[in-house]
Amino acid sequence: MADMADTGVSQADLSVGALVVMDALRSLEPELQAVMAFDLDGFTAAESGGYLGLTDQQVRDRRKKARKILAAKLGITDSERSRD
């Protein structure tokens, strides 16, 4: 792992960034929050769907919708998102 001094990013900047992302996540509809929580915890669409009562495709669709909303709220462009 890179030393923070090597990245040019301070601990304060990281903390502010984390708060901004958390606020964006909290602004999502509850179902989209749940899908993103499972995604961030590394669950597959099938696993998430099993817990949420959704099909794999419904989880993928909601995850895509949530990511699009989050990108807009965080000012991330389509070209930046395509690296995903």
N, C-alpha and C. Protein backbone atom coordinates (compact mmCIF):
# COMPACT_ATOMS: atom_id res chain seq x y z
N MET A 1 0.85 -1.18 0.00
CA MET A 1 0.00 0.00 0.00
C MET A 1 0.89 1.24 0.00
N ALA A 2 0.50 2.22 -0.82
CA ALA A 2 1.30 3.43 -0.94
C ALA A 2 1.19 4.27 0.33
N ASP A 3 2.29 4.88 0.67
CA ASP A 3 2.30 5.81 1.80
C ASP A 3 1.46 7.02 1.39
N MET A 4 0.65 7.55 2.33
CA MET A 4 -0.21 8.68 1.99
C MET A 4 0.59 9.88 1.52
N ALA A 5 1.80 10.07 2.02
CA ALA A 5 2.63 11.19 1.59
C ALA A 5 2.96 11.06 0.11
N ASP A 6 3.07 9.83 -0.39
CA ASP A 6 3.38 9.60 -1.79
C ASP A 6 2.21 9.92 -2.71
N THR A 7 1.00 9.89 -2.19
CA THR A 7 -0.18 10.11 -3.01
C THR A 7 -0.55 11.57 -3.15
N GLY A 8 -0.04 12.42 -2.26
CA GLY A 8 -0.39 13.83 -2.29
C GLY A 8 -1.77 14.10 -1.72
N VAL A 9 -2.37 13.11 -1.05
CA VAL A 9 -3.70 13.26 -0.47
C VAL A 9 -3.57 13.20 1.04
N SER A 10 -4.14 14.20 1.71
CA SER A 10 -4.05 14.23 3.17
C SER A 10 -5.15 13.40 3.80
N GLN A 11 -4.95 13.07 5.06
CA GLN A 11 -5.97 12.33 5.82
C GLN A 11 -7.27 13.13 5.86
N ALA A 12 -7.17 14.44 5.99
CA ALA A 12 -8.36 15.30 6.03
C ALA A 12 -9.12 15.23 4.71
N ASP A 13 -8.38 15.23 3.60
CA ASP A 13 -9.03 15.13 2.28
C ASP A 13 -9.76 13.80 2.14
N LEU A 14 -9.13 12.73 2.62
CA LEU A 14 -9.77 11.42 2.56
C LEU A 14 -11.02 11.39 3.41
N SER A 15 -10.97 11.99 4.58
CA SER A 15 -12.13 12.01 5.47
C SER A 15 -13.29 12.79 4.86
N VAL A 16 -12.98 13.94 4.28
CA VAL A 16 -14.01 14.75 3.63
C VAL A 16 -14.60 13.97 2.46
N GLY A 17 -13.74 13.35 1.68
CA GLY A 17 -14.21 12.55 0.53
C GLY A 17 -15.11 11.42 0.97
N ALA A 18 -14.74 10.75 2.05
CA ALA A 18 -15.56 9.65 2.56
C ALA A 18 -16.93 10.16 3.01
N LEU A 19 -16.96 11.31 3.64
CA LEU A 19 -18.23 11.89 4.08
C LEU A 19 -19.12 12.25 2.90
N VAL A 20 -18.52 12.77 1.85
CA VAL A 20 -19.28 13.13 0.64
C VAL A 20 -19.89 11.87 0.03
N VAL A 21 -19.10 10.81 -0.06
CA VAL A 21 -19.61 9.55 -0.63
C VAL A 21 -20.70 8.97 0.26
N MET A 22 -20.51 9.00 1.56
CA MET A 22 -21.52 8.48 2.48
C MET A 22 -22.82 9.27 2.36
N ASP A 23 -22.74 10.57 2.25
CA ASP A 23 -23.94 11.39 2.06
C ASP A 23 -24.66 11.03 0.76
N ALA A 24 -23.88 10.81 -0.29
CA ALA A 24 -24.48 10.42 -1.57
C ALA A 24 -25.18 9.07 -1.46
N LEU A 25 -24.54 8.12 -0.77
CA LEU A 25 -25.16 6.81 -0.57
C LEU A 25 -26.45 6.92 0.24
N ARG A 26 -26.42 7.75 1.26
CA ARG A 26 -27.61 7.93 2.11
C ARG A 26 -28.77 8.57 1.35
N SER A 27 -28.47 9.31 0.30
CA SER A 27 -29.52 9.99 -0.46
C SER A 27 -30.28 9.04 -1.39
N LEU A 28 -29.74 7.85 -1.60
CA LEU A 28 -30.41 6.87 -2.47
C LEU A 28 -31.68 6.34 -1.82
N GLU A 29 -32.59 5.85 -2.65
CA GLU A 29 -33.78 5.15 -2.15
C GLU A 29 -33.29 3.96 -1.32
N PRO A 30 -34.06 3.56 -0.29
CA PRO A 30 -33.63 2.46 0.58
C PRO A 30 -33.26 1.17 -0.17
N GLU A 31 -34.02 0.81 -1.19
CA GLU A 31 -33.71 -0.42 -1.92
C GLU A 31 -32.37 -0.31 -2.65
N LEU A 32 -32.09 0.87 -3.20
CA LEU A 32 -30.81 1.08 -3.88
C LEU A 32 -29.67 1.11 -2.87
N GLN A 33 -29.91 1.67 -1.70
CA GLN A 33 -28.91 1.64 -0.63
C GLN A 33 -28.56 0.20 -0.28
N ALA A 34 -29.57 -0.64 -0.16
CA ALA A 34 -29.35 -2.04 0.22
C ALA A 34 -28.53 -2.75 -0.84
N VAL A 35 -28.88 -2.55 -2.10
CA VAL A 35 -28.14 -3.18 -3.19
C VAL A 35 -26.68 -2.74 -3.17
N MET A 36 -26.45 -1.45 -2.97
CA MET A 36 -25.07 -0.95 -2.94
C MET A 36 -24.32 -1.46 -1.71
N ALA A 37 -25.01 -1.59 -0.59
CA ALA A 37 -24.35 -2.12 0.61
C ALA A 37 -23.85 -3.54 0.36
N PHE A 38 -24.70 -4.36 -0.24
CA PHE A 38 -24.27 -5.73 -0.55
C PHE A 38 -23.12 -5.72 -1.55
N ASP A 39 -23.21 -4.85 -2.55
CA ASP A 39 -22.17 -4.75 -3.57
C ASP A 39 -20.84 -4.34 -2.95
N LEU A 40 -20.88 -3.33 -2.09
CA LEU A 40 -19.64 -2.86 -1.44
C LEU A 40 -19.04 -3.91 -0.51
N ASP A 41 -19.90 -4.79 0.00
CA ASP A 41 -19.41 -5.87 0.87
C ASP A 41 -18.96 -7.08 0.07
N GLY A 42 -19.04 -7.01 -1.26
CA GLY A 42 -18.51 -8.07 -2.10
C GLY A 42 -19.47 -9.20 -2.44
N PHE A 43 -20.74 -9.01 -2.16
CA PHE A 43 -21.73 -10.04 -2.49
C PHE A 43 -21.98 -10.04 -4.00
N THR A 44 -22.26 -11.21 -4.55
CA THR A 44 -22.63 -11.31 -5.95
C THR A 44 -24.08 -10.87 -6.10
N ALA A 45 -24.49 -10.67 -7.35
CA ALA A 45 -25.89 -10.30 -7.60
C ALA A 45 -26.83 -11.40 -7.12
N ALA A 46 -26.43 -12.65 -7.31
CA ALA A 46 -27.27 -13.77 -6.86
C ALA A 46 -27.40 -13.80 -5.34
N GLU A 47 -26.27 -13.60 -4.66
CA GLU A 47 -26.30 -13.59 -3.19
C GLU A 47 -27.14 -12.43 -2.67
N SER A 48 -26.93 -11.25 -3.24
CA SER A 48 -27.69 -10.07 -2.83
C SER A 48 -29.17 -10.29 -3.07
N GLY A 49 -29.49 -10.80 -4.25
CA GLY A 49 -30.89 -11.06 -4.59
C GLY A 49 -31.55 -12.03 -3.63
N GLY A 50 -30.79 -13.03 -3.19
CA GLY A 50 -31.33 -14.00 -2.25
C GLY A 50 -31.75 -13.34 -0.94
N TYR A 51 -30.96 -12.40 -0.48
CA TYR A 51 -31.28 -11.70 0.77
C TYR A 51 -32.38 -10.66 0.58
N LEU A 52 -32.41 -10.04 -0.60
CA LEU A 52 -33.34 -8.94 -0.84
C LEU A 52 -34.64 -9.36 -1.52
N GLY A 53 -34.73 -10.62 -1.92
CA GLY A 53 -35.93 -11.09 -2.60
C GLY A 53 -36.03 -10.58 -4.03
N LEU A 54 -34.87 -10.42 -4.67
CA LEU A 54 -34.80 -9.94 -6.05
C LEU A 54 -34.10 -10.97 -6.92
N THR A 55 -34.35 -10.92 -8.21
CA THR A 55 -33.60 -11.77 -9.13
C THR A 55 -32.21 -11.17 -9.35
N ASP A 56 -31.32 -11.97 -9.91
CA ASP A 56 -29.97 -11.48 -10.24
C ASP A 56 -30.07 -10.24 -11.12
N GLN A 57 -30.94 -10.31 -12.13
CA GLN A 57 -31.07 -9.20 -13.07
C GLN A 57 -31.61 -7.95 -12.39
N GLN A 58 -32.56 -8.12 -11.49
CA GLN A 58 -33.08 -6.96 -10.76
C GLN A 58 -31.98 -6.30 -9.92
N VAL A 59 -31.13 -7.10 -9.31
CA VAL A 59 -30.02 -6.55 -8.53
C VAL A 59 -29.07 -5.79 -9.44
N ARG A 60 -28.72 -6.37 -10.58
CA ARG A 60 -27.81 -5.70 -11.52
C ARG A 60 -28.42 -4.39 -12.04
N ASP A 61 -29.73 -4.42 -12.34
CA ASP A 61 -30.40 -3.21 -12.82
C ASP A 61 -30.38 -2.12 -11.75
N ARG A 62 -30.68 -2.48 -10.52
CA ARG A 62 -30.70 -1.50 -9.43
C ARG A 62 -29.30 -0.98 -9.11
N ARG A 63 -28.31 -1.87 -9.20
CA ARG A 63 -26.93 -1.46 -8.97
C ARG A 63 -26.50 -0.45 -10.04
N LYS A 64 -26.87 -0.72 -11.29
CA LYS A 64 -26.54 0.20 -12.38
C LYS A 64 -27.21 1.55 -12.16
N LYS A 65 -28.48 1.53 -11.76
CA LYS A 65 -29.21 2.77 -11.49
C LYS A 65 -28.55 3.54 -10.35
N ALA A 66 -28.20 2.83 -9.27
CA ALA A 66 -27.58 3.47 -8.12
C ALA A 66 -26.24 4.08 -8.50
N ARG A 67 -25.44 3.36 -9.26
CA ARG A 67 -24.14 3.89 -9.68
C ARG A 67 -24.28 5.12 -10.55
N LYS A 68 -25.30 5.14 -11.41
CA LYS A 68 -25.54 6.30 -12.27
C LYS A 68 -25.92 7.51 -11.42
N ILE A 69 -26.80 7.31 -10.44
CA ILE A 69 -27.21 8.39 -9.55
C ILE A 69 -26.01 8.89 -8.74
N LEU A 70 -25.24 7.97 -8.20
CA LEU A 70 -24.07 8.35 -7.40
C LEU A 70 -23.06 9.12 -8.24
N ALA A 71 -22.83 8.67 -9.46
CA ALA A 71 -21.89 9.36 -10.33
C ALA A 71 -22.33 10.79 -10.58
N ALA A 72 -23.63 10.98 -10.81
CA ALA A 72 -24.15 12.33 -11.04
C ALA A 72 -23.98 13.20 -9.79
N LYS A 73 -24.29 12.64 -8.63
CA LYS A 73 -24.18 13.40 -7.38
C LYS A 73 -22.72 13.74 -7.06
N LEU A 74 -21.80 12.86 -7.46
CA LEU A 74 -20.39 13.06 -7.15
C LEU A 74 -19.63 13.75 -8.27
N GLY A 75 -20.32 14.07 -9.36
CA GLY A 75 -19.69 14.77 -10.47
C GLY A 75 -18.72 13.92 -11.26
N ILE A 76 -19.01 12.63 -11.36
CA ILE A 76 -18.14 11.72 -12.11
C ILE A 76 -18.70 11.59 -13.52
N THR A 77 -17.84 11.78 -14.51
CA THR A 77 -18.27 11.74 -15.91
C THR A 77 -18.38 10.31 -16.41
N ASP A 78 -19.05 10.15 -17.55
CA ASP A 78 -19.19 8.83 -18.16
C ASP A 78 -17.84 8.22 -18.50
N SER A 79 -16.90 9.04 -18.97
CA SER A 79 -15.58 8.50 -19.32
C SER A 79 -14.85 8.01 -18.08
N GLU A 80 -15.03 8.68 -16.96
CA GLU A 80 -14.42 8.22 -15.71
C GLU A 80 -15.10 6.94 -15.22
N ARG A 81 -16.40 6.84 -15.43
CA ARG A 81 -17.14 5.66 -15.00
C ARG A 81 -16.79 4.44 -15.84
N SER A 82 -16.41 4.64 -17.10
CA SER A 82 -16.14 3.52 -18.00
C SER A 82 -14.92 2.72 -17.58
N ARG A 83 -14.11 3.26 -16.67
CA ARG A 83 -12.95 2.51 -16.16
C ARG A 83 -13.38 1.42 -15.21
N ASP A 84 -14.64 1.41 -14.82
CA ASP A 84 -15.21 0.46 -13.86
C ASP A 84 -15.17 -0.96 -14.35
